């Protein structure tokens, strides 16, 4: 099993995919990179670690916050989903994962459940 790192931000209809991903029992731990709106309105059905990206943060600040909150992952890789969010948020997530020396698998929900892309 591994951890999931997913962006939960802007993008019409993207929260549905994130909900389906985090509800899969294969994940040991789930990290959601989100904004204040997501933290306030998203109600996960399982324990998740919310990583708050505040408006006005630089990309480097975003990376630092994500790295700080993800510290201690003992796996060699993580599943990553960036269906939701902005390009800067996506870059920060990818950079944070790579700065920790983790491999990543891009994942999404398909007709048959989670699939690697």
PDB file of N, CA and C in Angstrom:
ATOM      1  N   UNK A   1       0.839  -1.174   0.000  1.00  0.00           N
ATOM      2  CA  UNK A   1       0.000   0.000   0.000  1.00  0.00           C
ATOM      3  C   UNK A   1       0.886   1.241   0.000  1.00  0.00           C
ATOM      4  N   UNK A   2       0.286   2.331  -0.391  1.00  0.00           N
ATOM      5  CA  UNK A   2       1.031   3.577  -0.517  1.00  0.00           C
ATOM      6  C   UNK A   2       0.138   4.746  -0.134  1.00  0.00           C
ATOM      7  N   UNK A   3       0.690   5.922  -0.188  1.00  0.00           N
ATOM      8  CA  UNK A   3      -0.071   7.139   0.107  1.00  0.00           C
ATOM      9  C   UNK A   3      -0.546   7.784  -1.183  1.00  0.00           C
ATOM     10  N   UNK A   4      -1.616   8.554  -1.062  1.00  0.00           N
ATOM     11  CA  UNK A   4      -2.154   9.331  -2.174  1.00  0.00           C
ATOM     12  C   UNK A   4      -1.951  10.804  -1.874  1.00  0.00           C
ATOM     13  N   UNK A   5      -1.459  11.539  -2.865  1.00  0.00           N
ATOM     14  CA  UNK A   5      -1.362  12.993  -2.793  1.00  0.00           C
ATOM     15  C   UNK A   5      -2.253  13.517  -3.910  1.00  0.00           C
ATOM     16  N   UNK A   6      -3.283  14.267  -3.547  1.00  0.00           N
ATOM     17  CA  UNK A   6      -4.222  14.770  -4.546  1.00  0.00           C
ATOM     18  C   UNK A   6      -4.457  16.254  -4.342  1.00  0.00           C
ATOM     19  N   UNK A   7      -4.661  16.942  -5.449  1.00  0.00           N
ATOM     20  CA  UNK A   7      -5.016  18.352  -5.414  1.00  0.00           C
ATOM     21  C   UNK A   7      -6.540  18.445  -5.364  1.00  0.00           C
ATOM     22  N   UNK A   8      -7.041  19.242  -4.445  1.00  0.00           N
ATOM     23  CA  UNK A   8      -8.481  19.461  -4.304  1.00  0.00           C
ATOM     24  C   UNK A   8      -8.692  20.967  -4.337  1.00  0.00           C
ATOM     25  N   UNK A   9      -8.906  21.492  -5.527  1.00  0.00           N
ATOM     26  CA  UNK A   9      -8.954  22.941  -5.674  1.00  0.00           C
ATOM     27  C   UNK A   9      -9.993  23.321  -6.713  1.00  0.00           C
ATOM     28  N   UNK A  10      -9.574  24.057  -7.723  1.00  0.00           N
ATOM     29  CA  UNK A  10     -10.499  24.547  -8.739  1.00  0.00           C
ATOM     30  C   UNK A  10     -10.686  23.528  -9.852  1.00  0.00           C
ATOM     31  N   UNK A  11     -11.764  23.691 -10.574  1.00  0.00           N
ATOM     32  CA  UNK A  11     -12.054  22.804 -11.694  1.00  0.00           C
ATOM     33  C   UNK A  11     -13.421  22.189 -11.524  1.00  0.00           C
ATOM     34  N   UNK A  12     -14.339  22.591 -12.342  1.00  0.00           N
ATOM     35  CA  UNK A  12     -15.722  22.123 -12.229  1.00  0.00           C
ATOM     36  C   UNK A  12     -15.794  20.598 -12.344  1.00  0.00           C
ATOM     37  N   UNK A  13     -16.404  19.979 -11.372  1.00  0.00           N
ATOM     38  CA  UNK A  13     -16.605  18.539 -11.391  1.00  0.00           C
ATOM     39  C   UNK A  13     -15.419  17.711 -10.956  1.00  0.00           C
ATOM     40  N   UNK A  14     -14.294  18.333 -10.597  1.00  0.00           N
ATOM     41  CA  UNK A  14     -13.092  17.559 -10.277  1.00  0.00           C
ATOM     42  C   UNK A  14     -13.124  16.963  -8.877  1.00  0.00           C
ATOM     43  N   UNK A  15     -13.926  17.517  -7.993  1.00  0.00           N
ATOM     44  CA  UNK A  15     -13.980  16.972  -6.643  1.00  0.00           C
ATOM     45  C   UNK A  15     -14.547  15.564  -6.635  1.00  0.00           C
ATOM     46  N   UNK A  16     -15.417  15.233  -7.564  1.00  0.00           N
ATOM     47  CA  UNK A  16     -16.014  13.893  -7.624  1.00  0.00           C
ATOM     48  C   UNK A  16     -14.927  12.846  -7.822  1.00  0.00           C
ATOM     49  N   UNK A  17     -13.985  13.111  -8.725  1.00  0.00           N
ATOM     50  CA  UNK A  17     -12.902  12.160  -8.954  1.00  0.00           C
ATOM     51  C   UNK A  17     -12.032  12.015  -7.709  1.00  0.00           C
ATOM     52  N   UNK A  18     -11.744  13.129  -7.049  1.00  0.00           N
ATOM     53  CA  UNK A  18     -10.933  13.075  -5.832  1.00  0.00           C
ATOM     54  C   UNK A  18     -11.654  12.260  -4.750  1.00  0.00           C
ATOM     55  N   UNK A  19     -12.942  12.460  -4.599  1.00  0.00           N
ATOM     56  CA  UNK A  19     -13.722  11.699  -3.612  1.00  0.00           C
ATOM     57  C   UNK A  19     -13.626  10.203  -3.896  1.00  0.00           C
ATOM     58  N   UNK A  20     -13.794   9.827  -5.155  1.00  0.00           N
ATOM     59  CA  UNK A  20     -13.713   8.404  -5.517  1.00  0.00           C
ATOM     60  C   UNK A  20     -12.321   7.843  -5.239  1.00  0.00           C
ATOM     61  N   UNK A  21     -11.291   8.624  -5.516  1.00  0.00           N
ATOM     62  CA  UNK A  21      -9.923   8.166  -5.263  1.00  0.00           C
ATOM     63  C   UNK A  21      -9.663   7.950  -3.777  1.00  0.00           C
ATOM     64  N   UNK A  22     -10.034   8.929  -2.959  1.00  0.00           N
ATOM     65  CA  UNK A  22      -9.709   8.794  -1.536  1.00  0.00           C
ATOM     66  C   UNK A  22     -10.541   7.717  -0.854  1.00  0.00           C
ATOM     67  N   UNK A  23     -11.675   7.374  -1.418  1.00  0.00           N
ATOM     68  CA  UNK A  23     -12.505   6.324  -0.824  1.00  0.00           C
ATOM     69  C   UNK A  23     -11.994   4.923  -1.114  1.00  0.00           C
ATOM     70  N   UNK A  24     -11.031   4.783  -2.001  1.00  0.00           N
ATOM     71  CA  UNK A  24     -10.464   3.468  -2.282  1.00  0.00           C
ATOM     72  C   UNK A  24      -9.623   3.029  -1.082  1.00  0.00           C
ATOM     73  N   UNK A  25      -9.820   1.813  -0.608  1.00  0.00           N
ATOM     74  CA  UNK A  25      -9.104   1.359   0.587  1.00  0.00           C
ATOM     75  C   UNK A  25      -7.616   1.072   0.371  1.00  0.00           C
ATOM     76  N   UNK A  26      -7.118   1.181  -0.852  1.00  0.00           N
ATOM     77  CA  UNK A  26      -5.718   0.833  -1.100  1.00  0.00           C
ATOM     78  C   UNK A  26      -4.737   1.830  -0.504  1.00  0.00           C
ATOM     79  N   UNK A  27      -5.193   3.041  -0.156  1.00  0.00           N
ATOM     80  CA  UNK A  27      -4.284   4.079   0.327  1.00  0.00           C
ATOM     81  C   UNK A  27      -4.054   3.966   1.831  1.00  0.00           C
ATOM     82  N   UNK A  28      -2.776   3.934   2.230  1.00  0.00           N
ATOM     83  CA  UNK A  28      -2.436   3.971   3.654  1.00  0.00           C
ATOM     84  C   UNK A  28      -2.791   5.322   4.252  1.00  0.00           C
ATOM     85  N   UNK A  29      -2.457   6.369   3.523  1.00  0.00           N
ATOM     86  CA  UNK A  29      -2.677   7.729   3.994  1.00  0.00           C
ATOM     87  C   UNK A  29      -3.020   8.602   2.801  1.00  0.00           C
ATOM     88  N   UNK A  30      -3.848   9.624   3.032  1.00  0.00           N
ATOM     89  CA  UNK A  30      -4.264  10.529   1.962  1.00  0.00           C
ATOM     90  C   UNK A  30      -3.889  11.956   2.351  1.00  0.00           C
ATOM     91  N   UNK A  31      -3.192  12.635   1.433  1.00  0.00           N
ATOM     92  CA  UNK A  31      -2.844  14.042   1.588  1.00  0.00           C
ATOM     93  C   UNK A  31      -3.614  14.826   0.539  1.00  0.00           C
ATOM     94  N   UNK A  32      -4.378  15.825   0.977  1.00  0.00           N
ATOM     95  CA  UNK A  32      -5.123  16.672   0.050  1.00  0.00           C
ATOM     96  C   UNK A  32      -4.550  18.079   0.087  1.00  0.00           C
ATOM     97  N   UNK A  33      -4.038  18.527  -1.044  1.00  0.00           N
ATOM     98  CA  UNK A  33      -3.533  19.889  -1.176  1.00  0.00           C
ATOM     99  C   UNK A  33      -4.717  20.740  -1.612  1.00  0.00           C
ATOM    100  N   UNK A  34      -5.088  21.711  -0.775  1.00  0.00           N
ATOM    101  CA  UNK A  34      -6.310  22.462  -1.023  1.00  0.00           C
ATOM    102  C   UNK A  34      -6.160  23.914  -0.596  1.00  0.00           C
ATOM    103  N   UNK A  35      -7.173  24.686  -0.896  1.00  0.00           N
ATOM    104  CA  UNK A  35      -7.225  26.090  -0.489  1.00  0.00           C
ATOM    105  C   UNK A  35      -8.225  26.228   0.666  1.00  0.00           C
ATOM    106  N   UNK A  36      -8.433  27.469   1.125  1.00  0.00           N
ATOM    107  CA  UNK A  36      -9.344  27.698   2.255  1.00  0.00           C
ATOM    108  C   UNK A  36     -10.763  27.232   1.938  1.00  0.00           C
ATOM    109  N   UNK A  37     -11.213  27.436   0.708  1.00  0.00           N
ATOM    110  CA  UNK A  37     -12.547  26.997   0.309  1.00  0.00           C
ATOM    111  C   UNK A  37     -12.669  25.481   0.428  1.00  0.00           C
ATOM    112  N   UNK A  38     -11.673  24.759  -0.063  1.00  0.00           N
ATOM    113  CA  UNK A  38     -11.687  23.300   0.021  1.00  0.00           C
ATOM    114  C   UNK A  38     -11.649  22.801   1.452  1.00  0.00           C
ATOM    115  N   UNK A  39     -10.822  23.440   2.273  1.00  0.00           N
ATOM    116  CA  UNK A  39     -10.732  23.018   3.675  1.00  0.00           C
ATOM    117  C   UNK A  39     -12.067  23.223   4.391  1.00  0.00           C
ATOM    118  N   UNK A  40     -12.742  24.314   4.055  1.00  0.00           N
ATOM    119  CA  UNK A  40     -14.003  24.636   4.717  1.00  0.00           C
ATOM    120  C   UNK A  40     -15.172  23.783   4.222  1.00  0.00           C
ATOM    121  N   UNK A  41     -15.217  23.490   2.925  1.00  0.00           N
ATOM    122  CA  UNK A  41     -16.404  22.859   2.342  1.00  0.00           C
ATOM    123  C   UNK A  41     -16.277  21.360   2.048  1.00  0.00           C
ATOM    124  N   UNK A  42     -15.072  20.844   1.940  1.00  0.00           N
ATOM    125  CA  UNK A  42     -14.906  19.428   1.622  1.00  0.00           C
ATOM    126  C   UNK A  42     -15.008  18.607   2.899  1.00  0.00           C
ATOM    127  N   UNK A  43     -15.873  17.635   2.887  1.00  0.00           N
ATOM    128  CA  UNK A  43     -16.098  16.767   4.047  1.00  0.00           C
ATOM    129  C   UNK A  43     -15.719  15.332   3.682  1.00  0.00           C
ATOM    130  N   UNK A  44     -14.452  14.955   3.937  1.00  0.00           N
ATOM    131  CA  UNK A  44     -14.016  13.604   3.568  1.00  0.00           C
ATOM    132  C   UNK A  44     -14.704  12.536   4.408  1.00  0.00           C
ATOM    133  N   UNK A  45     -14.812  11.361   3.830  1.00  0.00           N
ATOM    134  CA  UNK A  45     -15.451  10.243   4.514  1.00  0.00           C
ATOM    135  C   UNK A  45     -14.439   9.363   5.244  1.00  0.00           C
ATOM    136  N   UNK A  46     -13.169   9.722   5.160  1.00  0.00           N
ATOM    137  CA  UNK A  46     -12.118   9.003   5.872  1.00  0.00           C
ATOM    138  C   UNK A  46     -11.082  10.021   6.326  1.00  0.00           C
ATOM    139  N   UNK A  47     -10.210   9.655   7.234  1.00  0.00           N
ATOM    140  CA  UNK A  47      -9.191  10.609   7.687  1.00  0.00           C
ATOM    141  C   UNK A  47      -8.249  11.000   6.539  1.00  0.00           C
ATOM    142  N   UNK A  48      -8.014  12.292   6.416  1.00  0.00           N
ATOM    143  CA  UNK A  48      -7.076  12.817   5.422  1.00  0.00           C
ATOM    144  C   UNK A  48      -6.239  13.904   6.076  1.00  0.00           C
ATOM    145  N   UNK A  49      -5.075  14.135   5.528  1.00  0.00           N
ATOM    146  CA  UNK A  49      -4.215  15.237   5.954  1.00  0.00           C
ATOM    147  C   UNK A  49      -4.432  16.377   4.968  1.00  0.00           C
ATOM    148  N   UNK A  50      -5.050  17.457   5.435  1.00  0.00           N
ATOM    149  CA  UNK A  50      -5.283  18.630   4.590  1.00  0.00           C
ATOM    150  C   UNK A  50      -4.029  19.499   4.599  1.00  0.00           C
ATOM    151  N   UNK A  51      -3.533  19.822   3.423  1.00  0.00           N
ATOM    152  CA  UNK A  51      -2.385  20.716   3.282  1.00  0.00           C
ATOM    153  C   UNK A  51      -2.916  22.005   2.679  1.00  0.00           C
ATOM    154  N   UNK A  52      -2.950  23.054   3.494  1.00  0.00           N
ATOM    155  CA  UNK A  52      -3.554  24.312   3.077  1.00  0.00           C
ATOM    156  C   UNK A  52      -2.572  25.160   2.279  1.00  0.00           C
ATOM    157  N   UNK A  53      -2.980  25.515   1.074  1.00  0.00           N
ATOM    158  CA  UNK A  53      -2.239  26.438   0.217  1.00  0.00           C
ATOM    159  C   UNK A  53      -3.008  27.755   0.249  1.00  0.00           C
ATOM    160  N   UNK A  54      -2.401  28.753   0.855  1.00  0.00           N
ATOM    161  CA  UNK A  54      -3.084  30.030   1.012  1.00  0.00           C
ATOM    162  C   UNK A  54      -2.903  30.912  -0.217  1.00  0.00           C
ATOM    163  N   UNK A  55      -3.925  31.720  -0.472  1.00  0.00           N
ATOM    164  CA  UNK A  55      -3.875  32.668  -1.581  1.00  0.00           C
ATOM    165  C   UNK A  55      -2.678  33.597  -1.379  1.00  0.00           C
ATOM    166  N   UNK A  56      -1.952  33.838  -2.433  1.00  0.00           N
ATOM    167  CA  UNK A  56      -0.803  34.727  -2.371  1.00  0.00           C
ATOM    168  C   UNK A  56       0.517  34.043  -2.078  1.00  0.00           C
ATOM    169  N   UNK A  57       0.489  32.754  -1.779  1.00  0.00           N
ATOM    170  CA  UNK A  57       1.743  32.024  -1.553  1.00  0.00           C
ATOM    171  C   UNK A  57       2.520  31.937  -2.855  1.00  0.00           C
ATOM    172  N   UNK A  58       3.834  32.046  -2.746  1.00  0.00           N
ATOM    173  CA  UNK A  58       4.675  31.802  -3.916  1.00  0.00           C
ATOM    174  C   UNK A  58       4.749  30.296  -4.144  1.00  0.00           C
ATOM    175  N   UNK A  59       5.239  29.911  -5.304  1.00  0.00           N
ATOM    176  CA  UNK A  59       5.391  28.479  -5.590  1.00  0.00           C
ATOM    177  C   UNK A  59       6.332  27.839  -4.581  1.00  0.00           C
ATOM    178  N   UNK A  60       7.422  28.521  -4.239  1.00  0.00           N
ATOM    179  CA  UNK A  60       8.375  27.987  -3.260  1.00  0.00           C
ATOM    180  C   UNK A  60       7.725  27.805  -1.890  1.00  0.00           C
ATOM    181  N   UNK A  61       6.878  28.740  -1.490  1.00  0.00           N
ATOM    182  CA  UNK A  61       6.175  28.604  -0.213  1.00  0.00           C
ATOM    183  C   UNK A  61       5.219  27.413  -0.248  1.00  0.00           C
ATOM    184  N   UNK A  62       4.543  27.227  -1.377  1.00  0.00           N
ATOM    185  CA  UNK A  62       3.655  26.069  -1.519  1.00  0.00           C
ATOM    186  C   UNK A  62       4.446  24.778  -1.369  1.00  0.00           C
ATOM    187  N   UNK A  63       5.568  24.709  -2.069  1.00  0.00           N
ATOM    188  CA  UNK A  63       6.412  23.507  -2.012  1.00  0.00           C
ATOM    189  C   UNK A  63       6.834  23.237  -0.573  1.00  0.00           C
ATOM    190  N   UNK A  64       7.297  24.276   0.119  1.00  0.00           N
ATOM    191  CA  UNK A  64       7.738  24.121   1.506  1.00  0.00           C
ATOM    192  C   UNK A  64       6.638  23.598   2.415  1.00  0.00           C
ATOM    193  N   UNK A  65       5.432  24.115   2.249  1.00  0.00           N
ATOM    194  CA  UNK A  65       4.304  23.672   3.075  1.00  0.00           C
ATOM    195  C   UNK A  65       3.946  22.215   2.781  1.00  0.00           C
ATOM    196  N   UNK A  66       3.952  21.842   1.515  1.00  0.00           N
ATOM    197  CA  UNK A  66       3.630  20.459   1.146  1.00  0.00           C
ATOM    198  C   UNK A  66       4.692  19.508   1.682  1.00  0.00           C
ATOM    199  N   UNK A  67       5.965  19.855   1.516  1.00  0.00           N
ATOM    200  CA  UNK A  67       7.056  19.019   2.026  1.00  0.00           C
ATOM    201  C   UNK A  67       6.929  18.862   3.540  1.00  0.00           C
ATOM    202  N   UNK A  68       6.670  19.957   4.244  1.00  0.00           N
ATOM    203  CA  UNK A  68       6.561  19.924   5.706  1.00  0.00           C
ATOM    204  C   UNK A  68       5.438  18.991   6.160  1.00  0.00           C
ATOM    205  N   UNK A  69       4.292  19.067   5.504  1.00  0.00           N
ATOM    206  CA  UNK A  69       3.139  18.246   5.902  1.00  0.00           C
ATOM    207  C   UNK A  69       3.288  16.782   5.496  1.00  0.00           C
ATOM    208  N   UNK A  70       4.079  16.526   4.451  1.00  0.00           N
ATOM    209  CA  UNK A  70       4.252  15.148   3.984  1.00  0.00           C
ATOM    210  C   UNK A  70       5.463  14.467   4.606  1.00  0.00           C
ATOM    211  N   UNK A  71       6.176  15.155   5.467  1.00  0.00           N
ATOM    212  CA  UNK A  71       7.384  14.591   6.076  1.00  0.00           C
ATOM    213  C   UNK A  71       7.046  13.282   6.780  1.00  0.00           C
ATOM    214  N   UNK A  72       7.937  12.338   6.654  1.00  0.00           N
ATOM    215  CA  UNK A  72       7.756  11.077   7.351  1.00  0.00           C
ATOM    216  C   UNK A  72       7.136   9.964   6.534  1.00  0.00           C
ATOM    217  N   UNK A  73       6.855  10.210   5.270  1.00  0.00           N
ATOM    218  CA  UNK A  73       6.348   9.119   4.427  1.00  0.00           C
ATOM    219  C   UNK A  73       7.451   8.076   4.304  1.00  0.00           C
ATOM    220  N   UNK A  74       7.146   6.847   4.639  1.00  0.00           N
ATOM    221  CA  UNK A  74       8.163   5.797   4.640  1.00  0.00           C
ATOM    222  C   UNK A  74       8.177   4.980   3.353  1.00  0.00           C
ATOM    223  N   UNK A  75       7.225   5.214   2.474  1.00  0.00           N
ATOM    224  CA  UNK A  75       7.186   4.495   1.201  1.00  0.00           C
ATOM    225  C   UNK A  75       8.243   5.040   0.248  1.00  0.00           C
ATOM    226  N   UNK A  76       8.432   4.325  -0.849  1.00  0.00           N
ATOM    227  CA  UNK A  76       9.341   4.780  -1.895  1.00  0.00           C
ATOM    228  C   UNK A  76       8.620   5.578  -2.966  1.00  0.00           C
ATOM    229  N   UNK A  77       7.297   5.450  -3.001  1.00  0.00           N
ATOM    230  CA  UNK A  77       6.514   6.143  -4.027  1.00  0.00           C
ATOM    231  C   UNK A  77       5.165   6.549  -3.466  1.00  0.00           C
ATOM    232  N   UNK A  78       4.518   7.466  -4.182  1.00  0.00           N
ATOM    233  CA  UNK A  78       3.165   7.898  -3.833  1.00  0.00           C
ATOM    234  C   UNK A  78       2.324   7.934  -5.100  1.00  0.00           C
ATOM    235  N   UNK A  79       1.024   7.782  -4.938  1.00  0.00           N
ATOM    236  CA  UNK A  79       0.093   8.021  -6.032  1.00  0.00           C
ATOM    237  C   UNK A  79      -0.224   9.506  -6.057  1.00  0.00           C
ATOM    238  N   UNK A  80      -0.270  10.102  -7.240  1.00  0.00           N
ATOM    239  CA  UNK A  80      -0.542  11.535  -7.373  1.00  0.00           C
ATOM    240  C   UNK A  80      -1.696  11.732  -8.341  1.00  0.00           C
ATOM    241  N   UNK A  81      -2.648  12.583  -7.934  1.00  0.00           N
ATOM    242  CA  UNK A  81      -3.738  12.971  -8.826  1.00  0.00           C
ATOM    243  C   UNK A  81      -3.820  14.484  -8.844  1.00  0.00           C
ATOM    244  N   UNK A  82      -3.710  15.059 -10.049  1.00  0.00           N
ATOM    245  CA  UNK A  82      -3.762  16.515 -10.213  1.00  0.00           C
ATOM    246  C   UNK A  82      -4.871  16.906 -11.187  1.00  0.00           C
ATOM    247  N   UNK A  83      -5.967  16.178 -11.137  1.00  0.00           N
ATOM    248  CA  UNK A  83      -7.125  16.502 -11.967  1.00  0.00           C
ATOM    249  C   UNK A  83      -7.690  17.862 -11.583  1.00  0.00           C
ATOM    250  N   UNK A  84      -7.726  18.145 -10.304  1.00  0.00           N
ATOM    251  CA  UNK A  84      -8.245  19.406  -9.792  1.00  0.00           C
ATOM    252  C   UNK A  84      -7.082  20.375  -9.593  1.00  0.00           C
ATOM    253  N   UNK A  85      -7.367  21.664  -9.646  1.00  0.00           N
ATOM    254  CA  UNK A  85      -6.356  22.656  -9.298  1.00  0.00           C
ATOM    255  C   UNK A  85      -5.765  23.410 -10.465  1.00  0.00           C
ATOM    256  N   UNK A  86      -4.759  24.216 -10.125  1.00  0.00           N
ATOM    257  CA  UNK A  86      -4.092  25.078 -11.099  1.00  0.00           C
ATOM    258  C   UNK A  86      -2.703  24.551 -11.428  1.00  0.00           C
ATOM    259  N   UNK A  87      -2.128  25.096 -12.459  1.00  0.00           N
ATOM    260  CA  UNK A  87      -0.779  24.703 -12.861  1.00  0.00           C
ATOM    261  C   UNK A  87       0.255  24.924 -11.769  1.00  0.00           C
ATOM    262  N   UNK A  88       0.168  26.047 -11.061  1.00  0.00           N
ATOM    263  CA  UNK A  88       1.120  26.322  -9.976  1.00  0.00           C
ATOM    264  C   UNK A  88       0.969  25.310  -8.846  1.00  0.00           C
ATOM    265  N   UNK A  89      -0.267  24.959  -8.530  1.00  0.00           N
ATOM    266  CA  UNK A  89      -0.485  23.944  -7.497  1.00  0.00           C
ATOM    267  C   UNK A  89       0.081  22.602  -7.945  1.00  0.00           C
ATOM    268  N   UNK A  90      -0.117  22.275  -9.198  1.00  0.00           N
ATOM    269  CA  UNK A  90       0.407  21.015  -9.735  1.00  0.00           C
ATOM    270  C   UNK A  90       1.929  20.991  -9.676  1.00  0.00           C
ATOM    271  N   UNK A  91       2.566  22.094 -10.101  1.00  0.00           N
ATOM    272  CA  UNK A  91       4.033  22.159 -10.053  1.00  0.00           C
ATOM    273  C   UNK A  91       4.531  22.013  -8.624  1.00  0.00           C
ATOM    274  N   UNK A  92       3.863  22.653  -7.670  1.00  0.00           N
ATOM    275  CA  UNK A  92       4.283  22.570  -6.273  1.00  0.00           C
ATOM    276  C   UNK A  92       4.169  21.141  -5.741  1.00  0.00           C
ATOM    277  N   UNK A  93       3.094  20.457  -6.082  1.00  0.00           N
ATOM    278  CA  UNK A  93       2.922  19.067  -5.641  1.00  0.00           C
ATOM    279  C   UNK A  93       4.020  18.182  -6.224  1.00  0.00           C
ATOM    280  N   UNK A  94       4.232  18.274  -7.524  1.00  0.00           N
ATOM    281  CA  UNK A  94       5.255  17.440  -8.163  1.00  0.00           C
ATOM    282  C   UNK A  94       6.639  17.742  -7.596  1.00  0.00           C
ATOM    283  N   UNK A  95       6.962  19.025  -7.421  1.00  0.00           N
ATOM    284  CA  UNK A  95       8.269  19.397  -6.874  1.00  0.00           C
ATOM    285  C   UNK A  95       8.432  18.879  -5.447  1.00  0.00           C
ATOM    286  N   UNK A  96       7.394  18.986  -4.633  1.00  0.00           N
ATOM    287  CA  UNK A  96       7.474  18.521  -3.243  1.00  0.00           C
ATOM    288  C   UNK A  96       7.697  17.014  -3.170  1.00  0.00           C
ATOM    289  N   UNK A  97       7.003  16.274  -4.003  1.00  0.00           N
ATOM    290  CA  UNK A  97       7.176  14.816  -4.032  1.00  0.00           C
ATOM    291  C   UNK A  97       8.609  14.468  -4.441  1.00  0.00           C
ATOM    292  N   UNK A  98       9.093  15.105  -5.493  1.00  0.00           N
ATOM    293  CA  UNK A  98      10.441  14.810  -5.982  1.00  0.00           C
ATOM    294  C   UNK A  98      11.517  15.266  -5.000  1.00  0.00           C
ATOM    295  N   UNK A  99      11.321  16.389  -4.323  1.00  0.00           N
ATOM    296  CA  UNK A  99      12.300  16.875  -3.341  1.00  0.00           C
ATOM    297  C   UNK A  99      12.453  15.903  -2.174  1.00  0.00           C
ATOM    298  N   UNK A 100      11.442  15.119  -1.917  1.00  0.00           N
ATOM    299  CA  UNK A 100      11.519  14.126  -0.845  1.00  0.00           C
ATOM    300  C   UNK A 100      12.108  12.805  -1.324  1.00  0.00           C
ATOM    301  N   UNK A 101      12.503  12.753  -2.591  1.00  0.00           N
ATOM    302  CA  UNK A 101      13.105  11.544  -3.134  1.00  0.00           C
ATOM    303  C   UNK A 101      12.110  10.434  -3.408  1.00  0.00           C
ATOM    304  N   UNK A 102      10.850  10.790  -3.525  1.00  0.00           N
ATOM    305  CA  UNK A 102       9.816   9.787  -3.772  1.00  0.00           C
ATOM    306  C   UNK A 102       9.547   9.628  -5.261  1.00  0.00           C
ATOM    307  N   UNK A 103       9.293   8.414  -5.665  1.00  0.00           N
ATOM    308  CA  UNK A 103       8.789   8.174  -7.019  1.00  0.00           C
ATOM    309  C   UNK A 103       7.296   8.466  -6.990  1.00  0.00           C
ATOM    310  N   UNK A 104       6.725   8.688  -8.166  1.00  0.00           N
ATOM    311  CA  UNK A 104       5.291   8.951  -8.206  1.00  0.00           C
ATOM    312  C   UNK A 104       4.635   8.179  -9.326  1.00  0.00           C
ATOM    313  N   UNK A 105       3.375   7.855  -9.081  1.00  0.00           N
ATOM    314  CA  UNK A 105       2.517   7.238 -10.089  1.00  0.00           C
ATOM    315  C   UNK A 105       1.321   8.151 -10.258  1.00  0.00           C
ATOM    316  N   UNK A 106       1.080   8.628 -11.467  1.00  0.00           N
ATOM    317  CA  UNK A 106      -0.103   9.435 -11.727  1.00  0.00           C
ATOM    318  C   UNK A 106      -1.298   8.497 -11.787  1.00  0.00           C
ATOM    319  N   UNK A 107      -2.318   8.799 -11.003  1.00  0.00           N
ATOM    320  CA  UNK A 107      -3.482   7.916 -10.916  1.00  0.00           C
ATOM    321  C   UNK A 107      -4.763   8.699 -11.169  1.00  0.00           C
ATOM    322  N   UNK A 108      -5.760   7.982 -11.664  1.00  0.00           N
ATOM    323  CA  UNK A 108      -7.086   8.552 -11.878  1.00  0.00           C
ATOM    324  C   UNK A 108      -8.115   7.453 -11.686  1.00  0.00           C
ATOM    325  N   UNK A 109      -9.375   7.855 -11.680  1.00  0.00           N
ATOM    326  CA  UNK A 109     -10.462   6.885 -11.600  1.00  0.00           C
ATOM    327  C   UNK A 109     -10.928   6.569 -13.009  1.00  0.00           C
ATOM    328  N   UNK A 110     -10.955   5.285 -13.334  1.00  0.00           N
ATOM    329  CA  UNK A 110     -11.488   4.833 -14.614  1.00  0.00           C
ATOM    330  C   UNK A 110     -12.760   4.034 -14.383  1.00  0.00           C
ATOM    331  N   UNK A 111     -13.252   3.432 -15.426  1.00  0.00           N
ATOM    332  CA  UNK A 111     -14.472   2.627 -15.316  1.00  0.00           C
ATOM    333  C   UNK A 111     -14.309   1.442 -14.367  1.00  0.00           C
ATOM    334  N   UNK A 112     -13.086   0.927 -14.262  1.00  0.00           N
ATOM    335  CA  UNK A 112     -12.821  -0.240 -13.421  1.00  0.00           C
ATOM    336  C   UNK A 112     -12.117   0.120 -12.120  1.00  0.00           C
ATOM    337  N   UNK A 113     -12.200   1.358 -11.699  1.00  0.00           N
ATOM    338  CA  UNK A 113     -11.538   1.776 -10.467  1.00  0.00           C
ATOM    339  C   UNK A 113     -10.281   2.579 -10.755  1.00  0.00           C
ATOM    340  N   UNK A 114      -9.351   2.527  -9.818  1.00  0.00           N
ATOM    341  CA  UNK A 114      -8.121   3.308  -9.949  1.00  0.00           C
ATOM    342  C   UNK A 114      -7.245   2.722 -11.039  1.00  0.00           C
ATOM    343  N   UNK A 115      -6.709   3.622 -11.854  1.00  0.00           N
ATOM    344  CA  UNK A 115      -5.747   3.170 -12.866  1.00  0.00           C
ATOM    345  C   UNK A 115      -4.582   4.143 -12.910  1.00  0.00           C
ATOM    346  N   UNK A 116      -3.431   3.591 -13.201  1.00  0.00           N
ATOM    347  CA  UNK A 116      -2.229   4.393 -13.372  1.00  0.00           C
ATOM    348  C   UNK A 116      -2.196   4.893 -14.807  1.00  0.00           C
ATOM    349  N   UNK A 117      -1.813   6.153 -14.982  1.00  0.00           N
ATOM    350  CA  UNK A 117      -1.714   6.704 -16.340  1.00  0.00           C
ATOM    351  C   UNK A 117      -0.279   7.053 -16.658  1.00  0.00           C
TER     352      UNK A 117
END
